[in-house]
């Protein structure tokens, strides 16, 4: 991987590591627009200030857009979420493996 590619990965990970950034994207993964209030309710336990900050960052990164019906993921954001779906499948497998590890440790 080139230095430029490494920098891009690092920049994307820094954005996604921001508190609630992935949750904001994940709440919009079905493609339906959500108002600020609905998005806040979908995420749960996020302050309006934090949500506003994440929305600004994700919009600046080209991952979120805002239309007359509310916030949606952009084409680029949808592409990212499509790739993150693999993470969901992996998380299920990982959770099962962690249960097995805990059982072995307790024996």
PDB file of N, CA and C in Angstrom:
ATOM      1  N   UNK A   1       0.839  -1.167   0.000  1.00  0.00           N
ATOM      2  CA  UNK A   1       0.000   0.000   0.000  1.00  0.00           C
ATOM      3  C   UNK A   1       0.892   1.240   0.000  1.00  0.00           C
ATOM      4  N   UNK A   2       0.538   2.190  -0.837  1.00  0.00           N
ATOM      5  CA  UNK A   2       1.349   3.398  -0.947  1.00  0.00           C
ATOM      6  C   UNK A   2       1.133   4.316   0.256  1.00  0.00           C
ATOM      7  N   UNK A   3       2.004   5.272   0.407  1.00  0.00           N
ATOM      8  CA  UNK A   3       1.881   6.241   1.506  1.00  0.00           C
ATOM      9  C   UNK A   3       0.585   7.029   1.378  1.00  0.00           C
ATOM     10  N   UNK A   4       0.197   7.330   0.155  1.00  0.00           N
ATOM     11  CA  UNK A   4      -1.043   8.076  -0.089  1.00  0.00           C
ATOM     12  C   UNK A   4      -2.257   7.244   0.339  1.00  0.00           C
ATOM     13  N   UNK A   5      -2.233   5.953   0.007  1.00  0.00           N
ATOM     14  CA  UNK A   5      -3.326   5.058   0.401  1.00  0.00           C
ATOM     15  C   UNK A   5      -3.369   4.892   1.920  1.00  0.00           C
ATOM     16  N   UNK A   6      -2.208   4.769   2.540  1.00  0.00           N
ATOM     17  CA  UNK A   6      -2.144   4.669   4.001  1.00  0.00           C
ATOM     18  C   UNK A   6      -2.718   5.911   4.659  1.00  0.00           C
ATOM     19  N   UNK A   7      -2.415   7.064   4.103  1.00  0.00           N
ATOM     20  CA  UNK A   7      -2.931   8.324   4.649  1.00  0.00           C
ATOM     21  C   UNK A   7      -4.450   8.381   4.521  1.00  0.00           C
ATOM     22  N   UNK A   8      -4.980   7.919   3.397  1.00  0.00           N
ATOM     23  CA  UNK A   8      -6.426   7.922   3.189  1.00  0.00           C
ATOM     24  C   UNK A   8      -7.122   6.991   4.177  1.00  0.00           C
ATOM     25  N   UNK A   9      -6.560   5.810   4.387  1.00  0.00           N
ATOM     26  CA  UNK A   9      -7.121   4.861   5.350  1.00  0.00           C
ATOM     27  C   UNK A   9      -7.090   5.455   6.755  1.00  0.00           C
ATOM     28  N   UNK A  10      -5.973   6.051   7.101  1.00  0.00           N
ATOM     29  CA  UNK A  10      -5.845   6.666   8.427  1.00  0.00           C
ATOM     30  C   UNK A  10      -6.860   7.780   8.625  1.00  0.00           C
ATOM     31  N   UNK A  11      -7.045   8.598   7.602  1.00  0.00           N
ATOM     32  CA  UNK A  11      -8.000   9.699   7.691  1.00  0.00           C
ATOM     33  C   UNK A  11      -9.430   9.179   7.841  1.00  0.00           C
ATOM     34  N   UNK A  12      -9.774   8.157   7.065  1.00  0.00           N
ATOM     35  CA  UNK A  12     -11.119   7.577   7.165  1.00  0.00           C
ATOM     36  C   UNK A  12     -11.340   6.945   8.536  1.00  0.00           C
ATOM     37  N   UNK A  13     -10.364   6.194   9.016  1.00  0.00           N
ATOM     38  CA  UNK A  13     -10.500   5.571  10.337  1.00  0.00           C
ATOM     39  C   UNK A  13     -10.616   6.619  11.435  1.00  0.00           C
ATOM     40  N   UNK A  14      -9.880   7.702  11.321  1.00  0.00           N
ATOM     41  CA  UNK A  14      -9.979   8.773  12.312  1.00  0.00           C
ATOM     42  C   UNK A  14     -11.396   9.346  12.349  1.00  0.00           C
ATOM     43  N   UNK A  15     -11.989   9.539  11.170  1.00  0.00           N
ATOM     44  CA  UNK A  15     -13.360  10.038  11.100  1.00  0.00           C
ATOM     45  C   UNK A  15     -14.332   9.042  11.723  1.00  0.00           C
ATOM     46  N   UNK A  16     -14.192   7.773  11.347  1.00  0.00           N
ATOM     47  CA  UNK A  16     -15.134   6.751  11.819  1.00  0.00           C
ATOM     48  C   UNK A  16     -14.957   6.414  13.293  1.00  0.00           C
ATOM     49  N   UNK A  17     -13.765   6.675  13.840  1.00  0.00           N
ATOM     50  CA  UNK A  17     -13.522   6.435  15.256  1.00  0.00           C
ATOM     51  C   UNK A  17     -14.121   7.516  16.146  1.00  0.00           C
ATOM     52  N   UNK A  18     -14.534   8.627  15.550  1.00  0.00           N
ATOM     53  CA  UNK A  18     -15.183   9.684  16.325  1.00  0.00           C
ATOM     54  C   UNK A  18     -16.440   9.117  16.969  1.00  0.00           C
ATOM     55  N   UNK A  19     -16.665   9.507  18.196  1.00  0.00           N
ATOM     56  CA  UNK A  19     -17.791   8.966  18.951  1.00  0.00           C
ATOM     57  C   UNK A  19     -19.090   9.131  18.183  1.00  0.00           C
ATOM     58  N   UNK A  20     -19.791   8.040  17.999  1.00  0.00           N
ATOM     59  CA  UNK A  20     -21.102   7.945  17.355  1.00  0.00           C
ATOM     60  C   UNK A  20     -21.080   8.079  15.832  1.00  0.00           C
ATOM     61  N   UNK A  21     -19.943   8.283  15.205  1.00  0.00           N
ATOM     62  CA  UNK A  21     -19.910   8.461  13.752  1.00  0.00           C
ATOM     63  C   UNK A  21     -20.489   7.238  13.034  1.00  0.00           C
ATOM     64  N   UNK A  22     -20.041   6.056  13.418  1.00  0.00           N
ATOM     65  CA  UNK A  22     -20.566   4.851  12.786  1.00  0.00           C
ATOM     66  C   UNK A  22     -22.041   4.640  13.101  1.00  0.00           C
ATOM     67  N   UNK A  23     -22.451   5.001  14.289  1.00  0.00           N
ATOM     68  CA  UNK A  23     -23.862   4.855  14.646  1.00  0.00           C
ATOM     69  C   UNK A  23     -24.751   5.762  13.809  1.00  0.00           C
ATOM     70  N   UNK A  24     -24.264   6.956  13.517  1.00  0.00           N
ATOM     71  CA  UNK A  24     -25.034   7.862  12.657  1.00  0.00           C
ATOM     72  C   UNK A  24     -25.205   7.230  11.278  1.00  0.00           C
ATOM     73  N   UNK A  25     -24.120   6.748  10.711  1.00  0.00           N
ATOM     74  CA  UNK A  25     -24.206   6.100   9.398  1.00  0.00           C
ATOM     75  C   UNK A  25     -25.086   4.859   9.447  1.00  0.00           C
ATOM     76  N   UNK A  26     -24.899   4.063  10.483  1.00  0.00           N
ATOM     77  CA  UNK A  26     -25.644   2.805  10.601  1.00  0.00           C
ATOM     78  C   UNK A  26     -27.141   3.071  10.724  1.00  0.00           C
ATOM     79  N   UNK A  27     -27.518   4.140  11.422  1.00  0.00           N
ATOM     80  CA  UNK A  27     -28.934   4.482  11.587  1.00  0.00           C
ATOM     81  C   UNK A  27     -29.581   4.850  10.252  1.00  0.00           C
ATOM     82  N   UNK A  28     -28.771   5.236   9.284  1.00  0.00           N
ATOM     83  CA  UNK A  28     -29.289   5.639   7.980  1.00  0.00           C
ATOM     84  C   UNK A  28     -29.091   4.581   6.905  1.00  0.00           C
ATOM     85  N   UNK A  29     -28.650   3.393   7.297  1.00  0.00           N
ATOM     86  CA  UNK A  29     -28.279   2.379   6.304  1.00  0.00           C
ATOM     87  C   UNK A  29     -29.434   1.878   5.452  1.00  0.00           C
ATOM     88  N   UNK A  30     -30.678   2.024   5.945  1.00  0.00           N
ATOM     89  CA  UNK A  30     -31.821   1.540   5.159  1.00  0.00           C
ATOM     90  C   UNK A  30     -32.160   2.465   3.998  1.00  0.00           C
ATOM     91  N   UNK A  31     -31.500   3.633   3.947  1.00  0.00           N
ATOM     92  CA  UNK A  31     -31.715   4.551   2.836  1.00  0.00           C
ATOM     93  C   UNK A  31     -32.856   5.533   3.019  1.00  0.00           C
ATOM     94  N   UNK A  32     -33.597   5.406   4.117  1.00  0.00           N
ATOM     95  CA  UNK A  32     -34.705   6.317   4.373  1.00  0.00           C
ATOM     96  C   UNK A  32     -34.200   7.580   5.066  1.00  0.00           C
ATOM     97  N   UNK A  33     -34.626   8.746   4.586  1.00  0.00           N
ATOM     98  CA  UNK A  33     -34.209   9.997   5.228  1.00  0.00           C
ATOM     99  C   UNK A  33     -34.727  10.085   6.660  1.00  0.00           C
ATOM    100  N   UNK A  34     -33.942  10.712   7.512  1.00  0.00           N
ATOM    101  CA  UNK A  34     -34.355  10.922   8.896  1.00  0.00           C
ATOM    102  C   UNK A  34     -34.100  12.380   9.278  1.00  0.00           C
ATOM    103  N   UNK A  35     -35.056  12.953   9.981  1.00  0.00           N
ATOM    104  CA  UNK A  35     -34.866  14.290  10.516  1.00  0.00           C
ATOM    105  C   UNK A  35     -33.847  14.225  11.644  1.00  0.00           C
ATOM    106  N   UNK A  36     -33.402  15.374  12.092  1.00  0.00           N
ATOM    107  CA  UNK A  36     -32.438  15.430  13.180  1.00  0.00           C
ATOM    108  C   UNK A  36     -32.981  14.696  14.403  1.00  0.00           C
ATOM    109  N   UNK A  37     -34.217  14.992  14.780  1.00  0.00           N
ATOM    110  CA  UNK A  37     -34.824  14.397  15.975  1.00  0.00           C
ATOM    111  C   UNK A  37     -34.972  12.879  15.822  1.00  0.00           C
ATOM    112  N   UNK A  38     -35.426  12.434  14.677  1.00  0.00           N
ATOM    113  CA  UNK A  38     -35.577  10.998  14.443  1.00  0.00           C
ATOM    114  C   UNK A  38     -34.228  10.301  14.459  1.00  0.00           C
ATOM    115  N   UNK A  39     -33.236  10.942  13.879  1.00  0.00           N
ATOM    116  CA  UNK A  39     -31.889  10.380  13.881  1.00  0.00           C
ATOM    117  C   UNK A  39     -31.358  10.281  15.308  1.00  0.00           C
ATOM    118  N   UNK A  40     -31.604  11.316  16.091  1.00  0.00           N
ATOM    119  CA  UNK A  40     -31.178  11.299  17.496  1.00  0.00           C
ATOM    120  C   UNK A  40     -31.860  10.156  18.236  1.00  0.00           C
ATOM    121  N   UNK A  41     -33.159   9.968  18.007  1.00  0.00           N
ATOM    122  CA  UNK A  41     -33.894   8.870  18.641  1.00  0.00           C
ATOM    123  C   UNK A  41     -33.395   7.505  18.165  1.00  0.00           C
ATOM    124  N   UNK A  42     -33.049   7.401  16.888  1.00  0.00           N
ATOM    125  CA  UNK A  42     -32.560   6.131  16.328  1.00  0.00           C
ATOM    126  C   UNK A  42     -31.235   5.716  16.957  1.00  0.00           C
ATOM    127  N   UNK A  43     -30.397   6.707  17.247  1.00  0.00           N
ATOM    128  CA  UNK A  43     -29.083   6.421  17.816  1.00  0.00           C
ATOM    129  C   UNK A  43     -29.185   6.197  19.313  1.00  0.00           C
ATOM    130  N   UNK A  44     -29.963   7.023  19.984  1.00  0.00           N
ATOM    131  CA  UNK A  44     -30.121   6.896  21.430  1.00  0.00           C
ATOM    132  C   UNK A  44     -28.902   7.400  22.178  1.00  0.00           C
ATOM    133  N   UNK A  45     -29.118   8.059  23.260  1.00  0.00           N
ATOM    134  CA  UNK A  45     -28.100   8.567  24.195  1.00  0.00           C
ATOM    135  C   UNK A  45     -27.021   9.445  23.553  1.00  0.00           C
ATOM    136  N   UNK A  46     -27.331  10.096  22.464  1.00  0.00           N
ATOM    137  CA  UNK A  46     -26.402  11.041  21.849  1.00  0.00           C
ATOM    138  C   UNK A  46     -26.946  12.449  22.099  1.00  0.00           C
ATOM    139  N   UNK A  47     -26.081  13.332  22.505  1.00  0.00           N
ATOM    140  CA  UNK A  47     -26.520  14.697  22.763  1.00  0.00           C
ATOM    141  C   UNK A  47     -26.722  15.421  21.431  1.00  0.00           C
ATOM    142  N   UNK A  48     -27.586  16.421  21.406  1.00  0.00           N
ATOM    143  CA  UNK A  48     -27.784  17.184  20.175  1.00  0.00           C
ATOM    144  C   UNK A  48     -26.475  17.816  19.665  1.00  0.00           C
ATOM    145  N   UNK A  49     -25.650  18.280  20.572  1.00  0.00           N
ATOM    146  CA  UNK A  49     -24.382  18.893  20.183  1.00  0.00           C
ATOM    147  C   UNK A  49     -23.459  17.878  19.493  1.00  0.00           C
ATOM    148  N   UNK A  50     -23.369  16.686  20.062  1.00  0.00           N
ATOM    149  CA  UNK A  50     -22.521  15.641  19.467  1.00  0.00           C
ATOM    150  C   UNK A  50     -23.067  15.213  18.118  1.00  0.00           C
ATOM    151  N   UNK A  51     -24.389  15.035  18.038  1.00  0.00           N
ATOM    152  CA  UNK A  51     -24.994  14.639  16.763  1.00  0.00           C
ATOM    153  C   UNK A  51     -24.742  15.708  15.704  1.00  0.00           C
ATOM    154  N   UNK A  52     -24.916  16.947  16.068  1.00  0.00           N
ATOM    155  CA  UNK A  52     -24.682  18.038  15.132  1.00  0.00           C
ATOM    156  C   UNK A  52     -23.235  18.034  14.630  1.00  0.00           C
ATOM    157  N   UNK A  53     -22.305  17.813  15.533  1.00  0.00           N
ATOM    158  CA  UNK A  53     -20.886  17.762  15.162  1.00  0.00           C
ATOM    159  C   UNK A  53     -20.621  16.599  14.213  1.00  0.00           C
ATOM    160  N   UNK A  54     -21.148  15.400  14.528  1.00  0.00           N
ATOM    161  CA  UNK A  54     -20.924  14.244  13.663  1.00  0.00           C
ATOM    162  C   UNK A  54     -21.550  14.464  12.293  1.00  0.00           C
ATOM    163  N   UNK A  55     -22.745  15.044  12.254  1.00  0.00           N
ATOM    164  CA  UNK A  55     -23.394  15.307  10.965  1.00  0.00           C
ATOM    165  C   UNK A  55     -22.536  16.238  10.127  1.00  0.00           C
ATOM    166  N   UNK A  56     -22.027  17.293  10.733  1.00  0.00           N
ATOM    167  CA  UNK A  56     -21.167  18.235   9.995  1.00  0.00           C
ATOM    168  C   UNK A  56     -19.929  17.529   9.448  1.00  0.00           C
ATOM    169  N   UNK A  57     -19.302  16.700  10.273  1.00  0.00           N
ATOM    170  CA  UNK A  57     -18.095  15.990   9.839  1.00  0.00           C
ATOM    171  C   UNK A  57     -18.397  15.010   8.709  1.00  0.00           C
ATOM    172  N   UNK A  58     -19.484  14.252   8.852  1.00  0.00           N
ATOM    173  CA  UNK A  58     -19.838  13.256   7.842  1.00  0.00           C
ATOM    174  C   UNK A  58     -20.297  13.912   6.546  1.00  0.00           C
ATOM    175  N   UNK A  59     -20.954  15.058   6.643  1.00  0.00           N
ATOM    176  CA  UNK A  59     -21.334  15.801   5.440  1.00  0.00           C
ATOM    177  C   UNK A  59     -20.087  16.350   4.747  1.00  0.00           C
ATOM    178  N   UNK A  60     -19.159  16.898   5.530  1.00  0.00           N
ATOM    179  CA  UNK A  60     -17.918  17.433   4.955  1.00  0.00           C
ATOM    180  C   UNK A  60     -17.114  16.335   4.265  1.00  0.00           C
ATOM    181  N   UNK A  61     -17.223  15.107   4.772  1.00  0.00           N
ATOM    182  CA  UNK A  61     -16.502  13.969   4.189  1.00  0.00           C
ATOM    183  C   UNK A  61     -17.246  13.380   2.987  1.00  0.00           C
ATOM    184  N   UNK A  62     -18.443  13.888   2.704  1.00  0.00           N
ATOM    185  CA  UNK A  62     -19.202  13.395   1.560  1.00  0.00           C
ATOM    186  C   UNK A  62     -19.958  12.109   1.810  1.00  0.00           C
ATOM    187  N   UNK A  63     -20.135  11.751   3.071  1.00  0.00           N
ATOM    188  CA  UNK A  63     -20.821  10.500   3.401  1.00  0.00           C
ATOM    189  C   UNK A  63     -22.297  10.700   3.724  1.00  0.00           C
ATOM    190  N   UNK A  64     -22.675  11.906   4.115  1.00  0.00           N
ATOM    191  CA  UNK A  64     -24.066  12.242   4.441  1.00  0.00           C
ATOM    192  C   UNK A  64     -24.508  13.422   3.608  1.00  0.00           C
ATOM    193  N   UNK A  65     -25.798  13.433   3.328  1.00  0.00           N
ATOM    194  CA  UNK A  65     -26.398  14.571   2.654  1.00  0.00           C
ATOM    195  C   UNK A  65     -27.660  14.970   3.399  1.00  0.00           C
ATOM    196  N   UNK A  66     -28.190  16.115   3.049  1.00  0.00           N
ATOM    197  CA  UNK A  66     -29.425  16.595   3.673  1.00  0.00           C
ATOM    198  C   UNK A  66     -30.346  17.097   2.586  1.00  0.00           C
ATOM    199  N   UNK A  67     -31.561  16.585   2.612  1.00  0.00           N
ATOM    200  CA  UNK A  67     -32.575  17.012   1.652  1.00  0.00           C
ATOM    201  C   UNK A  67     -33.810  17.502   2.376  1.00  0.00           C
ATOM    202  N   UNK A  68     -34.883  17.682   1.646  1.00  0.00           N
ATOM    203  CA  UNK A  68     -36.117  18.200   2.235  1.00  0.00           C
ATOM    204  C   UNK A  68     -36.720  17.254   3.266  1.00  0.00           C
ATOM    205  N   UNK A  69     -36.451  15.961   3.140  1.00  0.00           N
ATOM    206  CA  UNK A  69     -37.021  14.976   4.073  1.00  0.00           C
ATOM    207  C   UNK A  69     -36.088  14.615   5.217  1.00  0.00           C
ATOM    208  N   UNK A  70     -34.873  15.124   5.217  1.00  0.00           N
ATOM    209  CA  UNK A  70     -33.940  14.830   6.298  1.00  0.00           C
ATOM    210  C   UNK A  70     -32.586  14.380   5.789  1.00  0.00           C
ATOM    211  N   UNK A  71     -31.861  13.737   6.669  1.00  0.00           N
ATOM    212  CA  UNK A  71     -30.500  13.282   6.370  1.00  0.00           C
ATOM    213  C   UNK A  71     -30.534  11.904   5.723  1.00  0.00           C
ATOM    214  N   UNK A  72     -29.642  11.705   4.773  1.00  0.00           N
ATOM    215  CA  UNK A  72     -29.479  10.403   4.118  1.00  0.00           C
ATOM    216  C   UNK A  72     -27.993  10.180   3.860  1.00  0.00           C
ATOM    217  N   UNK A  73     -27.642   8.935   3.605  1.00  0.00           N
ATOM    218  CA  UNK A  73     -26.270   8.667   3.188  1.00  0.00           C
ATOM    219  C   UNK A  73     -26.166   8.982   1.706  1.00  0.00           C
ATOM    220  N   UNK A  74     -25.015   9.464   1.314  1.00  0.00           N
ATOM    221  CA  UNK A  74     -24.744   9.725  -0.099  1.00  0.00           C
ATOM    222  C   UNK A  74     -24.398   8.406  -0.784  1.00  0.00           C
ATOM    223  N   UNK A  75     -24.157   8.455  -2.059  1.00  0.00           N
ATOM    224  CA  UNK A  75     -23.714   7.259  -2.783  1.00  0.00           C
ATOM    225  C   UNK A  75     -22.417   6.736  -2.184  1.00  0.00           C
ATOM    226  N   UNK A  76     -21.532   7.646  -1.854  1.00  0.00           N
ATOM    227  CA  UNK A  76     -20.261   7.263  -1.228  1.00  0.00           C
ATOM    228  C   UNK A  76     -20.504   6.641   0.149  1.00  0.00           C
ATOM    229  N   UNK A  77     -21.406   7.222   0.919  1.00  0.00           N
ATOM    230  CA  UNK A  77     -21.753   6.682   2.228  1.00  0.00           C
ATOM    231  C   UNK A  77     -22.384   5.303   2.119  1.00  0.00           C
ATOM    232  N   UNK A  78     -23.239   5.124   1.120  1.00  0.00           N
ATOM    233  CA  UNK A  78     -23.868   3.813   0.904  1.00  0.00           C
ATOM    234  C   UNK A  78     -22.824   2.764   0.536  1.00  0.00           C
ATOM    235  N   UNK A  79     -21.822   3.171  -0.243  1.00  0.00           N
ATOM    236  CA  UNK A  79     -20.738   2.254  -0.597  1.00  0.00           C
ATOM    237  C   UNK A  79     -19.973   1.822   0.653  1.00  0.00           C
ATOM    238  N   UNK A  80     -19.694   2.779   1.529  1.00  0.00           N
ATOM    239  CA  UNK A  80     -19.015   2.455   2.789  1.00  0.00           C
ATOM    240  C   UNK A  80     -19.856   1.491   3.621  1.00  0.00           C
ATOM    241  N   UNK A  81     -21.148   1.764   3.746  1.00  0.00           N
ATOM    242  CA  UNK A  81     -22.025   0.888   4.536  1.00  0.00           C
ATOM    243  C   UNK A  81     -22.108  -0.509   3.939  1.00  0.00           C
ATOM    244  N   UNK A  82     -22.108  -0.589   2.627  1.00  0.00           N
ATOM    245  CA  UNK A  82     -22.115  -1.896   1.963  1.00  0.00           C
ATOM    246  C   UNK A  82     -20.879  -2.696   2.379  1.00  0.00           C
ATOM    247  N   UNK A  83     -19.748  -2.029   2.427  1.00  0.00           N
ATOM    248  CA  UNK A  83     -18.510  -2.691   2.821  1.00  0.00           C
ATOM    249  C   UNK A  83     -18.514  -3.046   4.308  1.00  0.00           C
ATOM    250  N   UNK A  84     -19.195  -2.234   5.112  1.00  0.00           N
ATOM    251  CA  UNK A  84     -19.278  -2.510   6.547  1.00  0.00           C
ATOM    252  C   UNK A  84     -20.242  -3.652   6.869  1.00  0.00           C
ATOM    253  N   UNK A  85     -21.102  -4.028   5.921  1.00  0.00           N
ATOM    254  CA  UNK A  85     -21.985  -5.170   6.137  1.00  0.00           C
ATOM    255  C   UNK A  85     -21.185  -6.435   6.402  1.00  0.00           C
ATOM    256  N   UNK A  86     -20.011  -6.531   5.791  1.00  0.00           N
ATOM    257  CA  UNK A  86     -19.139  -7.673   6.059  1.00  0.00           C
ATOM    258  C   UNK A  86     -18.720  -7.690   7.520  1.00  0.00           C
ATOM    259  N   UNK A  87     -18.589  -6.518   8.095  1.00  0.00           N
ATOM    260  CA  UNK A  87     -18.239  -6.412   9.507  1.00  0.00           C
ATOM    261  C   UNK A  87     -19.328  -7.014  10.384  1.00  0.00           C
ATOM    262  N   UNK A  88     -20.596  -6.807   9.997  1.00  0.00           N
ATOM    263  CA  UNK A  88     -21.706  -7.361  10.753  1.00  0.00           C
ATOM    264  C   UNK A  88     -21.645  -8.888  10.747  1.00  0.00           C
ATOM    265  N   UNK A  89     -21.384  -9.475   9.593  1.00  0.00           N
ATOM    266  CA  UNK A  89     -21.269 -10.931   9.497  1.00  0.00           C
ATOM    267  C   UNK A  89     -20.089 -11.423  10.326  1.00  0.00           C
ATOM    268  N   UNK A  90     -18.972 -10.722  10.248  1.00  0.00           N
ATOM    269  CA  UNK A  90     -17.803 -11.103  11.033  1.00  0.00           C
ATOM    270  C   UNK A  90     -18.084 -10.988  12.527  1.00  0.00           C
ATOM    271  N   UNK A  91     -18.784  -9.942  12.942  1.00  0.00           N
ATOM    272  CA  UNK A  91     -19.079  -9.727  14.361  1.00  0.00           C
ATOM    273  C   UNK A  91     -19.853 -10.904  14.945  1.00  0.00           C
ATOM    274  N   UNK A  92     -20.776 -11.459  14.172  1.00  0.00           N
ATOM    275  CA  UNK A  92     -21.520 -12.634  14.642  1.00  0.00           C
ATOM    276  C   UNK A  92     -20.611 -13.822  14.873  1.00  0.00           C
ATOM    277  N   UNK A  93     -19.722 -14.074  13.937  1.00  0.00           N
ATOM    278  CA  UNK A  93     -18.761 -15.176  14.083  1.00  0.00           C
ATOM    279  C   UNK A  93     -17.829 -14.924  15.261  1.00  0.00           C
ATOM    280  N   UNK A  94     -17.376 -13.698  15.393  1.00  0.00           N
ATOM    281  CA  UNK A  94     -16.466 -13.335  16.473  1.00  0.00           C
ATOM    282  C   UNK A  94     -17.130 -13.523  17.830  1.00  0.00           C
ATOM    283  N   UNK A  95     -18.386 -13.108  17.962  1.00  0.00           N
ATOM    284  CA  UNK A  95     -19.102 -13.247  19.227  1.00  0.00           C
ATOM    285  C   UNK A  95     -19.207 -14.711  19.640  1.00  0.00           C
ATOM    286  N   UNK A  96     -19.472 -15.587  18.685  1.00  0.00           N
ATOM    287  CA  UNK A  96     -19.530 -17.024  18.977  1.00  0.00           C
ATOM    288  C   UNK A  96     -18.168 -17.519  19.441  1.00  0.00           C
ATOM    289  N   UNK A  97     -17.109 -17.082  18.778  1.00  0.00           N
ATOM    290  CA  UNK A  97     -15.771 -17.524  19.176  1.00  0.00           C
ATOM    291  C   UNK A  97     -15.415 -17.032  20.574  1.00  0.00           C
ATOM    292  N   UNK A  98     -15.877 -15.841  20.937  1.00  0.00           N
ATOM    293  CA  UNK A  98     -15.601 -15.306  22.270  1.00  0.00           C
ATOM    294  C   UNK A  98     -16.320 -16.103  23.349  1.00  0.00           C
ATOM    295  N   UNK A  99     -17.504 -16.569  23.026  1.00  0.00           N
ATOM    296  CA  UNK A  99     -18.248 -17.415  23.961  1.00  0.00           C
ATOM    297  C   UNK A  99     -17.484 -18.711  24.189  1.00  0.00           C
ATOM    298  N   UNK A 100     -16.950 -19.281  23.116  1.00  0.00           N
ATOM    299  CA  UNK A 100     -16.174 -20.523  23.229  1.00  0.00           C
ATOM    300  C   UNK A 100     -14.907 -20.302  24.048  1.00  0.00           C
ATOM    301  N   UNK A 101     -14.235 -19.183  23.821  1.00  0.00           N
ATOM    302  CA  UNK A 101     -13.016 -18.870  24.561  1.00  0.00           C
ATOM    303  C   UNK A 101     -13.328 -18.725  26.053  1.00  0.00           C
ATOM    304  N   UNK A 102     -14.451 -18.071  26.380  1.00  0.00           N
ATOM    305  CA  UNK A 102     -14.837 -17.882  27.781  1.00  0.00           C
ATOM    306  C   UNK A 102     -15.138 -19.211  28.438  1.00  0.00           C
ATOM    307  N   UNK A 103     -15.777 -20.131  27.715  1.00  0.00           N
ATOM    308  CA  UNK A 103     -16.088 -21.449  28.254  1.00  0.00           C
ATOM    309  C   UNK A 103     -14.796 -22.213  28.548  1.00  0.00           C
ATOM    310  N   UNK A 104     -13.844 -22.172  27.632  1.00  0.00           N
ATOM    311  CA  UNK A 104     -12.576 -22.877  27.801  1.00  0.00           C
ATOM    312  C   UNK A 104     -11.807 -22.279  28.991  1.00  0.00           C
ATOM    313  N   UNK A 105     -11.811 -20.967  29.145  1.00  0.00           N
ATOM    314  CA  UNK A 105     -11.098 -20.318  30.239  1.00  0.00           C
ATOM    315  C   UNK A 105     -11.701 -20.677  31.589  1.00  0.00           C
ATOM    316  N   UNK A 106     -12.992 -20.896  31.626  1.00  0.00           N
ATOM    317  CA  UNK A 106     -13.678 -21.197  32.879  1.00  0.00           C
ATOM    318  C   UNK A 106     -13.567 -22.657  33.282  1.00  0.00           C
ATOM    319  N   UNK A 107     -13.021 -23.479  32.445  1.00  0.00           N
ATOM    320  CA  UNK A 107     -12.873 -24.905  32.783  1.00  0.00           C
ATOM    321  C   UNK A 107     -11.636 -25.136  33.603  1.00  0.00           C
TER     322      UNK A 107
END
